[in-house]
Amino acid sequence: MGRGLDVAVAGCGPAGLAVALLLHRDGHRVTLFERFETPRPLGSGLMIQPTGQAVLDALGLGRIRDIGAPIERLIGHAVPSGRTALSVRYAALGRRAGTGLGVHRASLFNLLFETVQAEAIPMETGRAIAACEGGRLVFEDGGGAAAGPFDLVIDALGWNSPLTPPAGQALAYGALWASLDWPDDAGFDPRALQQRYRAASAMAGVMPIGRVVGRDRLQAAYFWSLRADRLDAWRAAGLDAWKAEALALWPQTEPLLDQINDAEQFTFSRYAHRTLNNPVASGLAHIGDAWHSTSPQLGQGANMALLDAYALAMALRRAPDLADALDLYARLRGGHVRLYQAISQVFTPAYQSDGRALPWLRDAMVGTFAWLWPVPLIQAVMVSGILGSPLTPLGL
């Protein structure tokens, strides 16, 4: 574009911080808005796929690999049958092989946030956004006077953003997440995400997430699947009752469970499946979960958000005006978003639901065909995020 834009970025998650950096470096006048007085990450672990790593490399933040833990495979088994219910190996990609990267959300956040601060991008905190009207941001009571007008408002406020129209629905299941010291003597593979399932109504997982600021030992993310409407009952029952259930599902996790002494060590993540029909409007663009959100079964959330951020910056570079740029952004990302939203909608009930038939079919299919070519390649391409070739149109 021929001139720099006045841009408001709503939300200081990975998507908002990444797009702020990209647009600031392209000469746009960017201001970040955050509802917390001190921006902070929410949650525990996540996987950065090769797609997300490509965006971080383009941002000059490839040092995330020095913090996180390389993940070469995803493996899960059904209980009590022991049948393989999940099996993905990145090595199946052959010459294209990379790995996933397990990181704590705080590690990714800190890397992006510190870079934003180093580049002196303006940020206004304690500003809970209620609406966007005519390029102006309107804040909740106590958030101060409206800000703007801006040429472009970027909505990175997540799946319950007040700037998005109603779409999709909350999913029944979410998960409890905790960050714990890696159990060196428990026999877990330090280069694998491992899970155990009882049908699809009980699931536990362990993922290496590397180093976290303030912790001396390598860390693991432990997660436990839980229906959102059972969260209060889980709290009321107490940790001892839950630990008995968790140990019965996966005795090997005892060294991890021994580190959990307070329910407040867990963060509960509620999941939703929603996709806006159009991620743009006049002077407004939605990125990340504000455009598309789903369960984390394919490990794509942060990666899709980073791709959105890069695609929006790329569209603003290529297009002659803002309207054309927003249209190009939607086209650059629309196909990949719809593809993965559809795949996630198909796979989620097989791993988080109260059903019996789908988990049985999952175990029968994965246990039988996961090792037969080309199934390993298809699975690796899908989980790595490169199905649909999202990097090619972005020049990554």
Protein backbone atom coordinates (compact mmCIF):
# COMPACT_ATOMS: atom_id res chain seq x y z
CA MET A 1 0.00 0.00 0.00
CA GLY A 2 1.10 3.51 -0.67
CA ARG A 3 0.74 4.87 2.86
CA GLY A 4 1.00 3.71 6.42
CA LEU A 5 -2.28 3.04 8.21
CA ASP A 6 -3.46 3.88 11.69
CA VAL A 7 -4.08 0.40 13.10
CA ALA A 8 -5.64 -0.76 16.35
CA VAL A 9 -4.91 -4.33 17.42
CA ALA A 10 -7.42 -5.60 19.97
CA GLY A 11 -5.89 -8.32 22.14
CA CYS A 12 -2.35 -9.20 23.23
CA GLY A 13 -2.37 -12.93 22.59
CA PRO A 14 0.05 -14.52 20.09
CA ALA A 15 -2.06 -13.41 17.11
CA GLY A 16 -2.31 -9.80 18.24
CA LEU A 17 1.36 -9.49 19.20
CA ALA A 18 2.53 -11.11 15.95
CA VAL A 19 0.39 -8.93 13.70
CA ALA A 20 1.41 -5.83 15.63
CA LEU A 21 5.09 -6.63 15.03
CA LEU A 22 4.58 -7.34 11.34
CA LEU A 23 2.57 -4.19 10.63
CA HIS A 24 4.83 -1.98 12.75
CA ARG A 25 7.83 -3.18 10.77
CA ASP A 26 5.98 -2.41 7.54
CA GLY A 27 5.59 1.22 8.57
CA HIS A 28 2.03 1.24 9.88
CA ARG A 29 1.17 3.17 13.06
CA VAL A 30 0.08 0.40 15.40
CA THR A 31 -1.48 0.59 18.86
CA LEU A 32 -2.22 -2.51 20.94
CA PHE A 33 -5.19 -2.62 23.32
CA GLU A 34 -5.39 -5.12 26.18
CA ARG A 35 -8.08 -5.62 28.83
CA PHE A 36 -5.62 -6.69 31.56
CA GLU A 37 -3.59 -4.05 33.38
CA THR A 38 -0.55 -6.27 32.81
CA PRO A 39 -0.70 -8.45 29.68
CA ARG A 40 -0.25 -12.12 30.50
CA PRO A 41 -0.67 -15.53 28.90
CA LEU A 42 -3.55 -17.84 29.77
CA GLY A 43 -3.26 -21.62 29.89
CA SER A 44 -0.45 -24.12 29.87
CA GLY A 45 1.08 -25.94 26.90
CA LEU A 46 0.63 -25.73 23.16
CA MET A 47 2.23 -27.18 20.05
CA ILE A 48 3.90 -24.99 17.48
CA GLN A 49 3.71 -26.84 14.19
CA PRO A 50 6.07 -26.32 11.23
CA THR A 51 3.59 -23.74 9.89
CA GLY A 52 3.73 -21.64 13.03
CA GLN A 53 7.50 -22.06 13.21
CA ALA A 54 7.78 -20.66 9.68
CA VAL A 55 5.98 -17.48 10.77
CA LEU A 56 8.14 -17.13 13.87
CA ASP A 57 11.24 -17.57 11.70
CA ALA A 58 9.97 -14.75 9.44
CA LEU A 59 9.59 -12.61 12.57
CA GLY A 60 13.19 -13.36 13.55
CA LEU A 61 12.00 -15.40 16.54
CA GLY A 62 13.31 -18.83 15.62
CA ARG A 63 15.02 -18.95 19.01
CA ILE A 64 11.74 -20.33 20.33
CA ARG A 65 13.31 -23.71 19.45
CA ASP A 66 15.93 -23.13 22.16
CA ILE A 67 13.12 -22.87 24.72
CA GLY A 68 10.62 -25.51 23.61
CA ALA A 69 10.79 -29.28 23.32
CA PRO A 70 10.96 -30.97 19.88
CA ILE A 71 8.07 -33.39 19.42
CA GLU A 72 8.65 -36.12 16.87
CA ARG A 73 5.48 -38.13 17.35
CA LEU A 74 2.00 -38.18 18.85
CA ILE A 75 0.93 -41.48 20.35
CA GLY A 76 -2.21 -42.51 22.24
CA HIS A 77 -3.66 -45.77 23.53
CA ALA A 78 -7.12 -46.86 24.56
CA VAL A 79 -7.71 -48.23 28.03
CA PRO A 80 -8.12 -51.06 28.94
CA SER A 81 -7.62 -52.62 25.49
CA GLY A 82 -4.20 -51.04 24.90
CA ARG A 83 -5.09 -50.52 21.24
CA THR A 84 -3.43 -47.66 19.40
CA ALA A 85 -5.88 -44.77 19.09
CA LEU A 86 -3.46 -42.09 17.90
CA SER A 87 -0.22 -42.47 15.96
CA VAL A 88 1.49 -39.64 14.10
CA ARG A 89 5.19 -39.45 13.20
CA TYR A 90 6.65 -36.31 11.63
CA ALA A 91 9.38 -38.46 10.04
CA ALA A 92 6.73 -39.66 7.57
CA LEU A 93 7.10 -36.28 5.85
CA GLY A 94 10.47 -37.44 4.50
CA ARG A 95 12.59 -34.60 3.16
CA ARG A 96 10.00 -32.10 4.39
CA ALA A 97 10.23 -33.50 7.90
CA GLY A 98 10.33 -31.07 10.75
CA THR A 99 8.98 -31.59 14.22
CA GLY A 100 6.32 -30.11 16.36
CA LEU A 101 7.50 -27.94 19.22
CA GLY A 102 5.97 -28.22 22.67
CA VAL A 103 6.09 -24.89 24.52
CA HIS A 104 4.47 -23.27 27.49
CA ARG A 105 2.10 -20.49 26.43
CA ALA A 106 4.12 -18.16 28.64
CA SER A 107 7.27 -18.90 26.63
CA LEU A 108 5.63 -17.94 23.34
CA PHE A 109 3.93 -14.94 24.90
CA ASN A 110 7.11 -13.66 26.55
CA LEU A 111 9.10 -13.95 23.33
CA LEU A 112 6.52 -11.95 21.36
CA PHE A 113 5.74 -9.48 24.13
CA GLU A 114 9.37 -8.66 24.86
CA THR A 115 9.96 -8.05 21.15
CA VAL A 116 6.93 -5.72 21.01
CA GLN A 117 8.33 -3.81 23.98
CA ALA A 118 11.81 -3.67 22.45
CA GLU A 119 10.37 -2.14 19.29
CA ALA A 120 8.39 0.40 21.35
CA ILE A 121 4.99 -0.42 19.89
CA PRO A 122 2.40 1.62 21.84
CA MET A 123 0.14 -0.39 24.14
CA GLU A 124 -2.87 0.67 26.19
CA THR A 125 -3.78 -1.70 29.05
CA GLY A 126 -6.84 -1.93 31.26
CA ARG A 127 -8.97 -1.29 28.17
CA ALA A 128 -11.75 -3.88 27.93
CA ILE A 129 -13.26 -3.46 24.47
CA ALA A 130 -17.04 -3.53 24.13
CA ALA A 131 -17.55 -2.57 20.48
CA CYS A 132 -16.08 -1.09 17.32
CA GLU A 133 -18.08 1.76 15.80
CA GLY A 134 -16.93 3.61 12.71
CA GLY A 135 -13.28 2.75 13.27
CA ARG A 136 -13.45 3.76 16.94
CA LEU A 137 -12.99 1.34 19.81
CA VAL A 138 -15.61 1.66 22.53
CA PHE A 139 -14.65 0.36 25.97
CA GLU A 140 -16.57 -1.14 28.86
CA ASP A 141 -17.38 1.06 31.84
CA GLY A 142 -14.17 2.18 33.45
CA GLY A 143 -12.16 1.60 30.30
CA GLY A 144 -11.98 5.28 29.39
CA ALA A 145 -13.10 7.29 26.39
CA ALA A 146 -13.38 5.78 22.93
CA ALA A 147 -10.16 5.51 20.92
CA GLY A 148 -9.70 6.26 17.26
CA PRO A 149 -10.75 6.57 14.58
CA PHE A 150 -8.46 3.97 13.03
CA ASP A 151 -8.09 3.02 9.39
CA LEU A 152 -8.04 -0.65 10.44
CA VAL A 153 -9.11 -2.47 13.58
CA ILE A 154 -7.75 -6.01 13.98
CA ASP A 155 -9.79 -8.25 16.24
CA ALA A 156 -7.55 -10.73 18.07
CA LEU A 157 -9.82 -11.09 21.10
CA GLY A 158 -10.50 -14.82 20.80
CA TRP A 159 -13.58 -16.96 20.28
CA ASN A 160 -15.84 -14.87 22.54
CA SER A 161 -14.80 -11.55 21.04
CA PRO A 162 -17.43 -8.78 21.39
CA LEU A 163 -16.46 -7.61 17.90
CA THR A 164 -17.74 -10.75 16.16
CA PRO A 165 -21.32 -11.67 15.28
CA PRO A 166 -22.80 -14.80 16.89
CA ALA A 167 -21.49 -17.97 15.25
CA GLY A 168 -20.89 -21.59 16.12
CA GLN A 169 -21.30 -23.08 19.56
CA ALA A 170 -19.42 -23.97 22.71
CA LEU A 171 -18.28 -27.59 22.78
CA ALA A 172 -19.33 -29.83 25.63
CA TYR A 173 -15.78 -30.79 26.56
CA GLY A 174 -12.80 -28.73 27.58
CA ALA A 175 -9.68 -29.66 29.51
CA LEU A 176 -7.84 -28.99 32.73
CA TRP A 177 -4.20 -28.01 32.14
CA ALA A 178 -1.27 -27.89 34.55
CA SER A 179 2.44 -27.22 34.08
CA LEU A 180 4.61 -29.59 36.09
CA ASP A 181 8.22 -30.71 36.40
CA TRP A 182 9.14 -33.31 33.81
CA PRO A 183 9.26 -36.77 35.50
CA ASP A 184 12.67 -38.07 34.41
CA ASP A 185 12.25 -41.57 35.86
CA ALA A 186 8.64 -42.26 34.81
CA GLY A 187 9.46 -43.62 31.36
CA PHE A 188 7.77 -40.92 29.29
CA ASP A 189 9.22 -40.22 25.86
CA PRO A 190 10.69 -36.67 26.03
CA ARG A 191 10.09 -36.22 22.29
CA ALA A 192 6.45 -37.33 22.15
CA LEU A 193 2.99 -36.14 23.07
CA GLN A 194 1.37 -39.13 24.77
CA GLN A 195 -2.30 -39.74 25.63
CA ARG A 196 -4.58 -42.33 27.19
CA TYR A 197 -8.32 -42.67 26.55
CA ARG A 198 -11.29 -44.49 27.98
CA ALA A 199 -13.68 -44.30 25.02
CA ALA A 200 -13.81 -40.53 24.38
CA SER A 201 -15.21 -39.41 27.73
CA ALA A 202 -11.94 -39.72 29.68
CA MET A 203 -8.59 -38.59 28.34
CA ALA A 204 -5.26 -37.68 29.88
CA GLY A 205 -2.22 -36.33 28.08
CA VAL A 206 1.41 -35.51 28.76
CA MET A 207 3.41 -33.19 26.52
CA PRO A 208 6.99 -31.95 26.98
CA ILE A 209 7.11 -28.14 26.86
CA GLY A 210 10.79 -27.38 27.46
CA ARG A 211 11.92 -24.59 29.73
CA VAL A 212 9.81 -21.99 31.50
CA VAL A 213 11.10 -18.78 33.06
CA GLY A 214 11.51 -19.20 36.80
CA ARG A 215 11.63 -23.02 36.75
CA ASP A 216 14.91 -24.92 36.90
CA ARG A 217 13.69 -28.24 35.52
CA LEU A 218 12.26 -29.12 32.14
CA GLN A 219 8.48 -28.91 32.15
CA ALA A 220 5.56 -31.07 31.12
CA ALA A 221 2.01 -30.05 30.33
CA TYR A 222 -0.49 -32.45 31.87
CA PHE A 223 -4.07 -32.24 30.64
CA TRP A 224 -7.30 -33.95 31.64
CA SER A 225 -10.41 -33.89 29.48
CA LEU A 226 -13.53 -32.71 31.30
CA ARG A 227 -17.07 -31.73 30.38
CA ALA A 228 -17.60 -28.06 31.16
CA ASP A 229 -20.86 -28.78 32.96
CA ARG A 230 -19.01 -31.15 35.31
CA LEU A 231 -16.34 -28.67 36.39
CA ASP A 232 -18.12 -27.62 39.59
CA ALA A 233 -18.74 -31.26 40.53
CA TRP A 234 -15.06 -32.03 39.89
CA ARG A 235 -14.05 -29.26 42.27
CA ALA A 236 -16.55 -30.35 44.90
CA ALA A 237 -15.37 -33.97 44.81
CA GLY A 238 -11.82 -32.94 45.65
CA LEU A 239 -8.41 -33.86 44.29
CA ASP A 240 -8.17 -37.25 45.96
CA ALA A 241 -11.25 -38.56 44.16
CA TRP A 242 -9.99 -37.24 40.84
CA LYS A 243 -6.47 -38.61 41.35
CA ALA A 244 -7.89 -42.09 41.94
CA GLU A 245 -9.69 -41.84 38.60
CA ALA A 246 -6.64 -40.42 36.82
CA LEU A 247 -4.35 -43.14 38.19
CA ALA A 248 -6.78 -45.84 37.19
CA LEU A 249 -6.69 -44.52 33.63
CA TRP A 250 -2.89 -44.08 33.50
CA PRO A 251 -0.82 -45.34 36.48
CA GLN A 252 2.41 -44.07 34.87
CA THR A 253 1.34 -40.47 35.59
CA GLU A 254 1.68 -40.87 39.37
CA PRO A 255 4.89 -38.74 39.57
CA LEU A 256 2.98 -35.94 37.84
CA LEU A 257 -0.14 -36.27 39.96
CA ASP A 258 2.01 -36.18 43.10
CA GLN A 259 2.96 -32.61 42.16
CA ILE A 260 -0.68 -31.47 42.13
CA ASN A 261 -1.75 -30.39 45.61
CA ASP A 262 -4.26 -27.66 44.82
CA ALA A 263 -7.02 -27.41 42.23
CA GLU A 264 -5.77 -23.88 41.50
CA GLN A 265 -2.75 -25.43 39.78
CA PHE A 266 -5.10 -26.22 36.92
CA THR A 267 -6.39 -23.89 34.26
CA PHE A 268 -9.67 -24.97 32.68
CA SER A 269 -9.91 -24.31 28.95
CA ARG A 270 -13.38 -24.30 27.40
CA TYR A 271 -13.48 -25.05 23.68
CA ALA A 272 -15.83 -23.78 21.01
CA HIS A 273 -16.32 -24.55 17.35
CA ARG A 274 -17.10 -21.46 15.31
CA THR A 275 -16.15 -20.06 11.93
CA LEU A 276 -17.21 -16.64 10.69
CA ASN A 277 -18.51 -16.67 7.13
CA ASN A 278 -16.41 -13.60 6.38
CA PRO A 279 -13.39 -12.56 8.48
CA VAL A 280 -13.45 -8.95 7.25
CA ALA A 281 -15.74 -5.95 7.14
CA SER A 282 -15.13 -2.30 6.31
CA GLY A 283 -12.00 -1.36 8.25
CA LEU A 284 -12.16 -4.52 10.38
CA ALA A 285 -10.30 -7.86 10.23
CA HIS A 286 -10.69 -10.87 12.52
CA ILE A 287 -7.69 -13.13 13.11
CA GLY A 288 -7.08 -16.32 15.07
CA ASP A 289 -9.87 -17.60 17.30
CA ALA A 290 -11.89 -14.45 16.64
CA TRP A 291 -12.34 -15.81 13.10
CA HIS A 292 -12.13 -19.56 13.65
CA SER A 293 -11.91 -21.64 16.80
CA THR A 294 -12.23 -25.32 17.52
CA SER A 295 -10.97 -28.04 19.84
CA PRO A 296 -7.19 -28.53 20.09
CA GLN A 297 -7.28 -32.12 18.81
CA LEU A 298 -5.16 -31.26 15.75
CA GLY A 299 -2.89 -28.84 17.61
CA GLN A 300 -3.49 -25.99 15.18
CA GLY A 301 -4.85 -23.05 17.21
CA ALA A 302 -1.78 -20.85 17.71
CA ASN A 303 -0.40 -21.88 14.33
CA MET A 304 -3.53 -20.82 12.44
CA ALA A 305 -3.45 -17.52 14.33
CA LEU A 306 0.17 -16.89 13.34
CA LEU A 307 -0.63 -17.71 9.72
CA ASP A 308 -3.55 -15.27 9.83
CA ALA A 309 -1.29 -12.53 11.18
CA TYR A 310 1.29 -13.08 8.44
CA ALA A 311 -1.36 -13.30 5.71
CA LEU A 312 -2.93 -10.01 6.78
CA ALA A 313 0.45 -8.27 6.74
CA MET A 314 1.22 -9.80 3.34
CA ALA A 315 -2.14 -8.67 1.92
CA LEU A 316 -1.52 -5.10 3.08
CA ARG A 317 1.85 -5.17 1.31
CA ARG A 318 0.47 -6.50 -1.96
CA ALA A 319 -2.86 -4.75 -2.41
CA PRO A 320 -3.27 -1.18 -3.71
CA ASP A 321 -5.81 -0.14 -1.03
CA LEU A 322 -7.31 -1.32 2.23
CA ALA A 323 -10.50 -2.79 0.78
CA ASP A 324 -8.54 -4.90 -1.69
CA ALA A 325 -6.10 -5.92 1.03
CA LEU A 326 -8.88 -7.21 3.30
CA ASP A 327 -10.39 -9.15 0.42
CA LEU A 328 -6.98 -10.65 -0.39
CA TYR A 329 -6.44 -11.61 3.25
CA ALA A 330 -9.72 -13.52 3.30
CA ARG A 331 -8.76 -15.34 0.10
CA LEU A 332 -5.23 -16.16 1.25
CA ARG A 333 -6.47 -17.88 4.39
CA GLY A 334 -10.06 -18.89 3.68
CA GLY A 335 -9.42 -22.28 2.07
CA HIS A 336 -6.97 -23.48 4.70
CA VAL A 337 -9.22 -22.31 7.54
CA ARG A 338 -12.29 -24.06 6.13
CA LEU A 339 -10.31 -27.26 5.51
CA TYR A 340 -9.01 -27.55 9.06
CA GLN A 341 -12.28 -26.48 10.63
CA ALA A 342 -14.00 -29.30 8.75
CA ILE A 343 -11.35 -31.88 9.71
CA SER A 344 -11.51 -30.84 13.35
CA GLN A 345 -15.29 -31.08 13.37
CA VAL A 346 -15.01 -34.67 12.14
CA PHE A 347 -12.25 -35.77 14.52
CA THR A 348 -13.24 -34.06 17.77
CA PRO A 349 -16.14 -36.40 18.69
CA ALA A 350 -13.80 -39.39 18.32
CA TYR A 351 -11.56 -38.04 21.10
CA GLN A 352 -13.82 -35.86 23.27
CA SER A 353 -17.46 -36.89 23.53
CA ASP A 354 -19.84 -39.16 25.38
CA GLY A 355 -20.26 -41.41 22.35
CA ARG A 356 -19.23 -45.06 22.20
CA ALA A 357 -19.45 -45.94 18.52
CA LEU A 358 -16.96 -43.35 17.26
CA PRO A 359 -14.23 -44.22 19.80
CA TRP A 360 -14.66 -47.90 18.95
CA LEU A 361 -14.32 -47.09 15.26
CA ARG A 362 -11.30 -44.86 16.04
CA ASP A 363 -9.48 -47.69 17.79
CA ALA A 364 -10.34 -50.19 15.06
CA MET A 365 -9.25 -47.89 12.21
CA VAL A 366 -6.11 -46.42 13.77
CA GLY A 367 -4.96 -49.73 15.19
CA THR A 368 -5.37 -51.40 11.82
CA PHE A 369 -4.36 -48.79 9.26
CA ALA A 370 -2.05 -46.31 11.02
CA TRP A 371 1.04 -48.21 9.83
CA LEU A 372 -0.08 -48.80 6.21
CA TRP A 373 1.24 -46.43 3.56
CA PRO A 374 0.14 -43.72 2.72
CA VAL A 375 -1.76 -43.31 6.00
CA PRO A 376 1.37 -42.24 7.97
CA LEU A 377 2.09 -39.52 5.41
CA ILE A 378 -1.51 -38.28 5.38
CA GLN A 379 -1.57 -38.08 9.17
CA ALA A 380 1.77 -36.26 9.35
CA VAL A 381 0.76 -33.76 6.66
CA MET A 382 -2.52 -33.07 8.45
CA VAL A 383 -1.07 -32.64 11.96
CA SER A 384 1.91 -30.58 10.78
CA GLY A 385 -0.56 -28.05 9.39
CA ILE A 386 0.75 -28.18 5.82
CA LEU A 387 -2.32 -29.84 4.29
CA GLY A 388 -3.60 -27.41 1.70
CA SER A 389 -0.14 -25.81 1.30
CA PRO A 390 -0.84 -22.69 3.41
CA LEU A 391 2.76 -21.44 3.30
CA THR A 392 3.11 -21.27 -0.47
CA PRO A 393 0.80 -18.28 -1.13
CA LEU A 394 2.48 -16.45 1.74
CA GLY A 395 5.97 -16.95 0.33
CA LEU A 396 7.09 -18.89 3.42
